[in-house]
Amino acid sequence: MTLNELKVGNKAKILKIENLGKLKKRLMDMGITKGEVIKYQRNAPLGDPKEFIIKNTTICIRKSDASNIYIKEI
């Protein structure tokens, strides 16, 4: 399952980040790392980007980038 498939209000554990090049390092600097728990907070008005909470920080990720982040729903 990818982060793009998570439903609003649900939480998941990050399993791996794949094929994002420089963006992968940036996401990891924001706390999106293997083993962290992330919560899908809400959609932007037009559906992209998506808003998530990780380590008490709110971040927005585009759908295309979220589809490269693999998770396990908890």
PDB file of N, CA and C in Angstrom:
ATOM      1  N   MET A   1       0.854  -1.177   0.000  1.00  0.00           N
ATOM      2  CA  MET A   1       0.000   0.000   0.000  1.00  0.00           C
ATOM      3  C   MET A   1       0.897   1.236   0.000  1.00  0.00           C
ATOM      4  N   THR A   2       0.464   2.283  -0.686  1.00  0.00           N
ATOM      5  CA  THR A   2       1.235   3.522  -0.712  1.00  0.00           C
ATOM      6  C   THR A   2       0.528   4.603   0.100  1.00  0.00           C
ATOM      7  N   LEU A   3       1.276   5.644   0.421  1.00  0.00           N
ATOM      8  CA  LEU A   3       0.732   6.753   1.204  1.00  0.00           C
ATOM      9  C   LEU A   3      -0.415   7.436   0.467  1.00  0.00           C
ATOM     10  N   ASN A   4      -0.380   7.385  -0.842  1.00  0.00           N
ATOM     11  CA  ASN A   4      -1.435   7.969  -1.666  1.00  0.00           C
ATOM     12  C   ASN A   4      -2.777   7.258  -1.472  1.00  0.00           C
ATOM     13  N   GLU A   5      -2.769   6.001  -1.035  1.00  0.00           N
ATOM     14  CA  GLU A   5      -3.986   5.202  -0.873  1.00  0.00           C
ATOM     15  C   GLU A   5      -4.591   5.299   0.530  1.00  0.00           C
ATOM     16  N   LEU A   6      -3.891   5.907   1.467  1.00  0.00           N
ATOM     17  CA  LEU A   6      -4.372   6.021   2.844  1.00  0.00           C
ATOM     18  C   LEU A   6      -5.613   6.898   2.899  1.00  0.00           C
ATOM     19  N   LYS A   7      -6.572   6.533   3.730  1.00  0.00           N
ATOM     20  CA  LYS A   7      -7.820   7.294   3.879  1.00  0.00           C
ATOM     21  C   LYS A   7      -7.655   8.392   4.925  1.00  0.00           C
ATOM     22  N   VAL A   8      -8.408   9.469   4.766  1.00  0.00           N
ATOM     23  CA  VAL A   8      -8.354  10.609   5.695  1.00  0.00           C
ATOM     24  C   VAL A   8      -8.636  10.147   7.122  1.00  0.00           C
ATOM     25  N   GLY A   9      -7.794  10.591   8.057  1.00  0.00           N
ATOM     26  CA  GLY A   9      -7.956  10.264   9.466  1.00  0.00           C
ATOM     27  C   GLY A   9      -7.227   9.008   9.904  1.00  0.00           C
ATOM     28  N   ASN A  10      -6.731   8.213   8.965  1.00  0.00           N
ATOM     29  CA  ASN A  10      -6.038   6.968   9.304  1.00  0.00           C
ATOM     30  C   ASN A  10      -4.544   7.189   9.500  1.00  0.00           C
ATOM     31  N   LYS A  11      -3.930   6.249  10.234  1.00  0.00           N
ATOM     32  CA  LYS A  11      -2.493   6.298  10.496  1.00  0.00           C
ATOM     33  C   LYS A  11      -1.822   5.110   9.833  1.00  0.00           C
ATOM     34  N   ALA A  12      -0.524   5.279   9.569  1.00  0.00           N
ATOM     35  CA  ALA A  12       0.248   4.202   8.953  1.00  0.00           C
ATOM     36  C   ALA A  12       1.703   4.301   9.383  1.00  0.00           C
ATOM     37  N   LYS A  13       2.393   3.176   9.269  1.00  0.00           N
ATOM     38  CA  LYS A  13       3.826   3.117   9.537  1.00  0.00           C
ATOM     39  C   LYS A  13       4.536   3.118   8.187  1.00  0.00           C
ATOM     40  N   ILE A  14       5.564   3.938   8.055  1.00  0.00           N
ATOM     41  CA  ILE A  14       6.307   4.034   6.804  1.00  0.00           C
ATOM     42  C   ILE A  14       7.242   2.837   6.675  1.00  0.00           C
ATOM     43  N   LEU A  15       7.151   2.149   5.529  1.00  0.00           N
ATOM     44  CA  LEU A  15       7.999   0.991   5.270  1.00  0.00           C
ATOM     45  C   LEU A  15       9.212   1.343   4.420  1.00  0.00           C
ATOM     46  N   LYS A  16       8.996   2.136   3.345  1.00  0.00           N
ATOM     47  CA  LYS A  16      10.128   2.532   2.507  1.00  0.00           C
ATOM     48  C   LYS A  16       9.736   3.675   1.580  1.00  0.00           C
ATOM     49  N   ILE A  17      10.753   4.437   1.187  1.00  0.00           N
ATOM     50  CA  ILE A  17      10.586   5.532   0.231  1.00  0.00           C
ATOM     51  C   ILE A  17      11.355   5.130  -1.011  1.00  0.00           C
ATOM     52  N   GLU A  18      10.700   5.210  -2.167  1.00  0.00           N
ATOM     53  CA  GLU A  18      11.302   4.684  -3.393  1.00  0.00           C
ATOM     54  C   GLU A  18      11.353   5.725  -4.507  1.00  0.00           C
ATOM     55  N   ASN A  19      12.449   5.747  -5.236  1.00  0.00           N
ATOM     56  CA  ASN A  19      12.596   6.481  -6.504  1.00  0.00           C
ATOM     57  C   ASN A  19      12.227   7.963  -6.465  1.00  0.00           C
ATOM     58  N   LEU A  20      12.675   8.702  -5.472  1.00  0.00           N
ATOM     59  CA  LEU A  20      12.359  10.126  -5.424  1.00  0.00           C
ATOM     60  C   LEU A  20      13.587  11.027  -5.551  1.00  0.00           C
ATOM     61  N   GLY A  21      14.764  10.458  -5.712  1.00  0.00           N
ATOM     62  CA  GLY A  21      15.981  11.242  -5.911  1.00  0.00           C
ATOM     63  C   GLY A  21      16.227  12.252  -4.797  1.00  0.00           C
ATOM     64  N   LYS A  22      16.403  13.511  -5.171  1.00  0.00           N
ATOM     65  CA  LYS A  22      16.686  14.570  -4.197  1.00  0.00           C
ATOM     66  C   LYS A  22      15.516  14.789  -3.244  1.00  0.00           C
ATOM     67  N   LEU A  23      14.309  14.547  -3.721  1.00  0.00           N
ATOM     68  CA  LEU A  23      13.131  14.721  -2.868  1.00  0.00           C
ATOM     69  C   LEU A  23      13.151  13.748  -1.701  1.00  0.00           C
ATOM     70  N   LYS A  24      13.713  12.563  -1.903  1.00  0.00           N
ATOM     71  CA  LYS A  24      13.788  11.573  -0.824  1.00  0.00           C
ATOM     72  C   LYS A  24      14.560  12.132   0.364  1.00  0.00           C
ATOM     73  N   LYS A  25      15.686  12.778   0.107  1.00  0.00           N
ATOM     74  CA  LYS A  25      16.470  13.365   1.196  1.00  0.00           C
ATOM     75  C   LYS A  25      15.680  14.463   1.897  1.00  0.00           C
ATOM     76  N   ARG A  26      14.992  15.265   1.135  1.00  0.00           N
ATOM     77  CA  ARG A  26      14.194  16.356   1.717  1.00  0.00           C
ATOM     78  C   ARG A  26      13.070  15.805   2.606  1.00  0.00           C
ATOM     79  N   LEU A  27      12.389  14.756   2.131  1.00  0.00           N
ATOM     80  CA  LEU A  27      11.331  14.137   2.925  1.00  0.00           C
ATOM     81  C   LEU A  27      11.896  13.533   4.205  1.00  0.00           C
ATOM     82  N   MET A  28      13.056  12.901   4.091  1.00  0.00           N
ATOM     83  CA  MET A  28      13.680  12.305   5.269  1.00  0.00           C
ATOM     84  C   MET A  28      14.084  13.383   6.274  1.00  0.00           C
ATOM     85  N   ASP A  29      14.524  14.535   5.790  1.00  0.00           N
ATOM     86  CA  ASP A  29      14.860  15.652   6.679  1.00  0.00           C
ATOM     87  C   ASP A  29      13.626  16.173   7.421  1.00  0.00           C
ATOM     88  N   MET A  30      12.454  16.017   6.803  1.00  0.00           N
ATOM     89  CA  MET A  30      11.206  16.451   7.442  1.00  0.00           C
ATOM     90  C   MET A  30      10.655  15.400   8.399  1.00  0.00           C
ATOM     91  N   GLY A  31      11.298  14.240   8.485  1.00  0.00           N
ATOM     92  CA  GLY A  31      10.862  13.217   9.422  1.00  0.00           C
ATOM     93  C   GLY A  31      10.203  12.006   8.806  1.00  0.00           C
ATOM     94  N   ILE A  32      10.067  11.991   7.498  1.00  0.00           N
ATOM     95  CA  ILE A  32       9.448  10.845   6.831  1.00  0.00           C
ATOM     96  C   ILE A  32      10.531   9.792   6.631  1.00  0.00           C
ATOM     97  N   THR A  33      10.671   8.929   7.617  1.00  0.00           N
ATOM     98  CA  THR A  33      11.691   7.882   7.583  1.00  0.00           C
ATOM     99  C   THR A  33      11.054   6.538   7.901  1.00  0.00           C
ATOM    100  N   LYS A  34      11.759   5.481   7.551  1.00  0.00           N
ATOM    101  CA  LYS A  34      11.279   4.122   7.793  1.00  0.00           C
ATOM    102  C   LYS A  34      10.966   3.934   9.278  1.00  0.00           C
ATOM    103  N   GLY A  35       9.780   3.394   9.558  1.00  0.00           N
ATOM    104  CA  GLY A  35       9.381   3.098  10.930  1.00  0.00           C
ATOM    105  C   GLY A  35       8.561   4.188  11.607  1.00  0.00           C
ATOM    106  N   GLU A  36       8.530   5.389  11.042  1.00  0.00           N
ATOM    107  CA  GLU A  36       7.758   6.484  11.648  1.00  0.00           C
ATOM    108  C   GLU A  36       6.269   6.301  11.362  1.00  0.00           C
ATOM    109  N   VAL A  37       5.452   6.819  12.272  1.00  0.00           N
ATOM    110  CA  VAL A  37       3.998   6.784  12.103  1.00  0.00           C
ATOM    111  C   VAL A  37       3.557   8.122  11.515  1.00  0.00           C
ATOM    112  N   ILE A  38       2.710   8.040  10.482  1.00  0.00           N
ATOM    113  CA  ILE A  38       2.215   9.227   9.805  1.00  0.00           C
ATOM    114  C   ILE A  38       0.691   9.171   9.773  1.00  0.00           C
ATOM    115  N   LYS A  39       0.034  10.321   9.945  1.00  0.00           N
ATOM    116  CA  LYS A  39      -1.433  10.395   9.922  1.00  0.00           C
ATOM    117  C   LYS A  39      -1.871  11.282   8.763  1.00  0.00           C
ATOM    118  N   TYR A  40      -2.849  10.793   8.011  1.00  0.00           N
ATOM    119  CA  TYR A  40      -3.415  11.564   6.901  1.00  0.00           C
ATOM    120  C   TYR A  40      -4.448  12.514   7.482  1.00  0.00           C
ATOM    121  N   GLN A  41      -4.145  13.797   7.458  1.00  0.00           N
ATOM    122  CA  GLN A  41      -4.990  14.810   8.081  1.00  0.00           C
ATOM    123  C   GLN A  41      -6.157  15.226   7.183  1.00  0.00           C
ATOM    124  N   ARG A  42      -5.834  15.705   5.957  1.00  0.00           N
ATOM    125  CA  ARG A  42      -6.891  16.155   5.041  1.00  0.00           C
ATOM    126  C   ARG A  42      -6.333  16.418   3.650  1.00  0.00           C
ATOM    127  N   ASN A  43      -7.259  16.647   2.704  1.00  0.00           N
ATOM    128  CA  ASN A  43      -6.917  17.015   1.332  1.00  0.00           C
ATOM    129  C   ASN A  43      -6.912  18.526   1.190  1.00  0.00           C
ATOM    130  N   ALA A  44      -6.159  19.012   0.233  1.00  0.00           N
ATOM    131  CA  ALA A  44      -6.262  20.404  -0.167  1.00  0.00           C
ATOM    132  C   ALA A  44      -7.605  20.560  -0.894  1.00  0.00           C
ATOM    133  N   PRO A  45      -8.121  21.777  -1.041  1.00  0.00           N
ATOM    134  CA  PRO A  45      -9.431  21.972  -1.686  1.00  0.00           C
ATOM    135  C   PRO A  45      -9.578  21.306  -3.060  1.00  0.00           C
ATOM    136  N   LEU A  46      -8.524  21.275  -3.848  1.00  0.00           N
ATOM    137  CA  LEU A  46      -8.611  20.651  -5.173  1.00  0.00           C
ATOM    138  C   LEU A  46      -8.076  19.223  -5.182  1.00  0.00           C
ATOM    139  N   GLY A  47      -7.763  18.673  -4.003  1.00  0.00           N
ATOM    140  CA  GLY A  47      -7.348  17.283  -3.894  1.00  0.00           C
ATOM    141  C   GLY A  47      -5.852  17.036  -3.920  1.00  0.00           C
ATOM    142  N   ASP A  48      -5.071  18.045  -4.261  1.00  0.00           N
ATOM    143  CA  ASP A  48      -3.618  17.877  -4.311  1.00  0.00           C
ATOM    144  C   ASP A  48      -2.970  19.176  -3.868  1.00  0.00           C
ATOM    145  N   PRO A  49      -2.085  19.205  -2.928  1.00  0.00           N
ATOM    146  CA  PRO A  49      -1.435  18.112  -2.227  1.00  0.00           C
ATOM    147  C   PRO A  49      -2.279  17.577  -1.071  1.00  0.00           C
ATOM    148  N   LYS A  50      -1.747  16.553  -0.430  1.00  0.00           N
ATOM    149  CA  LYS A  50      -2.393  15.964   0.742  1.00  0.00           C
ATOM    150  C   LYS A  50      -1.639  16.424   1.983  1.00  0.00           C
ATOM    151  N   GLU A  51      -2.375  16.612   3.078  1.00  0.00           N
ATOM    152  CA  GLU A  51      -1.772  17.084   4.322  1.00  0.00           C
ATOM    153  C   GLU A  51      -1.635  15.935   5.315  1.00  0.00           C
ATOM    154  N   PHE A  52      -0.435  15.785   5.870  1.00  0.00           N
ATOM    155  CA  PHE A  52      -0.127  14.718   6.814  1.00  0.00           C
ATOM    156  C   PHE A  52       0.470  15.292   8.085  1.00  0.00           C
ATOM    157  N   ILE A  53       0.364  14.523   9.165  1.00  0.00           N
ATOM    158  CA  ILE A  53       1.011  14.886  10.420  1.00  0.00           C
ATOM    159  C   ILE A  53       2.012  13.790  10.750  1.00  0.00           C
ATOM    160  N   ILE A  54       3.256  14.212  11.016  1.00  0.00           N
ATOM    161  CA  ILE A  54       4.307  13.289  11.426  1.00  0.00           C
ATOM    162  C   ILE A  54       5.161  14.000  12.468  1.00  0.00           C
ATOM    163  N   LYS A  55       5.392  13.340  13.586  1.00  0.00           N
ATOM    164  CA  LYS A  55       6.165  13.909  14.696  1.00  0.00           C
ATOM    165  C   LYS A  55       5.637  15.292  15.097  1.00  0.00           C
ATOM    166  N   ASN A  56       4.321  15.438  15.220  1.00  0.00           N
ATOM    167  CA  ASN A  56       3.657  16.687  15.599  1.00  0.00           C
ATOM    168  C   ASN A  56       3.934  17.837  14.633  1.00  0.00           C
ATOM    169  N   THR A  57       4.274  17.525  13.397  1.00  0.00           N
ATOM    170  CA  THR A  57       4.516  18.526  12.367  1.00  0.00           C
ATOM    171  C   THR A  57       3.587  18.254  11.196  1.00  0.00           C
ATOM    172  N   THR A  58       2.983  19.300  10.669  1.00  0.00           N
ATOM    173  CA  THR A  58       2.100  19.170   9.510  1.00  0.00           C
ATOM    174  C   THR A  58       2.912  19.405   8.248  1.00  0.00           C
ATOM    175  N   ILE A  59       2.802  18.467   7.299  1.00  0.00           N
ATOM    176  CA  ILE A  59       3.484  18.615   6.017  1.00  0.00           C
ATOM    177  C   ILE A  59       2.509  18.293   4.890  1.00  0.00           C
ATOM    178  N   CYS A  60       2.770  18.851   3.719  1.00  0.00           N
ATOM    179  CA  CYS A  60       1.952  18.578   2.539  1.00  0.00           C
ATOM    180  C   CYS A  60       2.804  17.859   1.502  1.00  0.00           C
ATOM    181  N   ILE A  61       2.226  16.818   0.924  1.00  0.00           N
ATOM    182  CA  ILE A  61       2.928  16.013  -0.074  1.00  0.00           C
ATOM    183  C   ILE A  61       2.030  15.850  -1.295  1.00  0.00           C
ATOM    184  N   ARG A  62       2.603  16.027  -2.479  1.00  0.00           N
ATOM    185  CA  ARG A  62       1.835  15.823  -3.711  1.00  0.00           C
ATOM    186  C   ARG A  62       1.464  14.356  -3.873  1.00  0.00           C
ATOM    187  N   LYS A  63       0.341  14.108  -4.535  1.00  0.00           N
ATOM    188  CA  LYS A  63      -0.113  12.734  -4.763  1.00  0.00           C
ATOM    189  C   LYS A  63       0.949  11.905  -5.478  1.00  0.00           C
ATOM    190  N   SER A  64       1.588  12.493  -6.473  1.00  0.00           N
ATOM    191  CA  SER A  64       2.587  11.749  -7.244  1.00  0.00           C
ATOM    192  C   SER A  64       3.760  11.322  -6.369  1.00  0.00           C
ATOM    193  N   ASP A  65       4.146  12.151  -5.410  1.00  0.00           N
ATOM    194  CA  ASP A  65       5.236  11.794  -4.501  1.00  0.00           C
ATOM    195  C   ASP A  65       4.764  10.792  -3.452  1.00  0.00           C
ATOM    196  N   ALA A  66       3.533  10.947  -2.983  1.00  0.00           N
ATOM    197  CA  ALA A  66       2.978  10.033  -1.974  1.00  0.00           C
ATOM    198  C   ALA A  66       2.846   8.617  -2.513  1.00  0.00           C
ATOM    199  N   SER A  67       2.702   8.483  -3.827  1.00  0.00           N
ATOM    200  CA  SER A  67       2.572   7.144  -4.413  1.00  0.00           C
ATOM    201  C   SER A  67       3.896   6.375  -4.415  1.00  0.00           C
ATOM    202  N   ASN A  68       4.999   7.029  -4.058  1.00  0.00           N
ATOM    203  CA  ASN A  68       6.300   6.365  -3.963  1.00  0.00           C
ATOM    204  C   ASN A  68       6.713   6.080  -2.528  1.00  0.00           C
ATOM    205  N   ILE A  69       5.814   6.311  -1.575  1.00  0.00           N
ATOM    206  CA  ILE A  69       6.088   6.062  -0.170  1.00  0.00           C
ATOM    207  C   ILE A  69       5.221   4.874   0.253  1.00  0.00           C
ATOM    208  N   TYR A  70       5.876   3.767   0.593  1.00  0.00           N
ATOM    209  CA  TYR A  70       5.157   2.546   0.946  1.00  0.00           C
ATOM    210  C   TYR A  70       4.912   2.490   2.445  1.00  0.00           C
ATOM    211  N   ILE A  71       3.680   2.067   2.805  1.00  0.00           N
ATOM    212  CA  ILE A  71       3.239   2.099   4.204  1.00  0.00           C
ATOM    213  C   ILE A  71       2.524   0.808   4.584  1.00  0.00           C
ATOM    214  N   LYS A  72       2.314   0.667   5.886  1.00  0.00           N
ATOM    215  CA  LYS A  72       1.451  -0.379   6.425  1.00  0.00           C
ATOM    216  C   LYS A  72       0.470   0.330   7.344  1.00  0.00           C
ATOM    217  N   GLU A  73      -0.810   0.244   7.027  1.00  0.00           N
ATOM    218  CA  GLU A  73      -1.838   0.917   7.820  1.00  0.00           C
ATOM    219  C   GLU A  73      -1.928   0.303   9.208  1.00  0.00           C
ATOM    220  N   ILE A  74      -2.086   1.175  10.224  1.00  0.00           N
ATOM    221  CA  ILE A  74      -2.223   0.683  11.603  1.00  0.00           C
ATOM    222  C   ILE A  74      -3.531   1.165  12.210  1.00  0.00           C
TER     223      ILE A  74
END
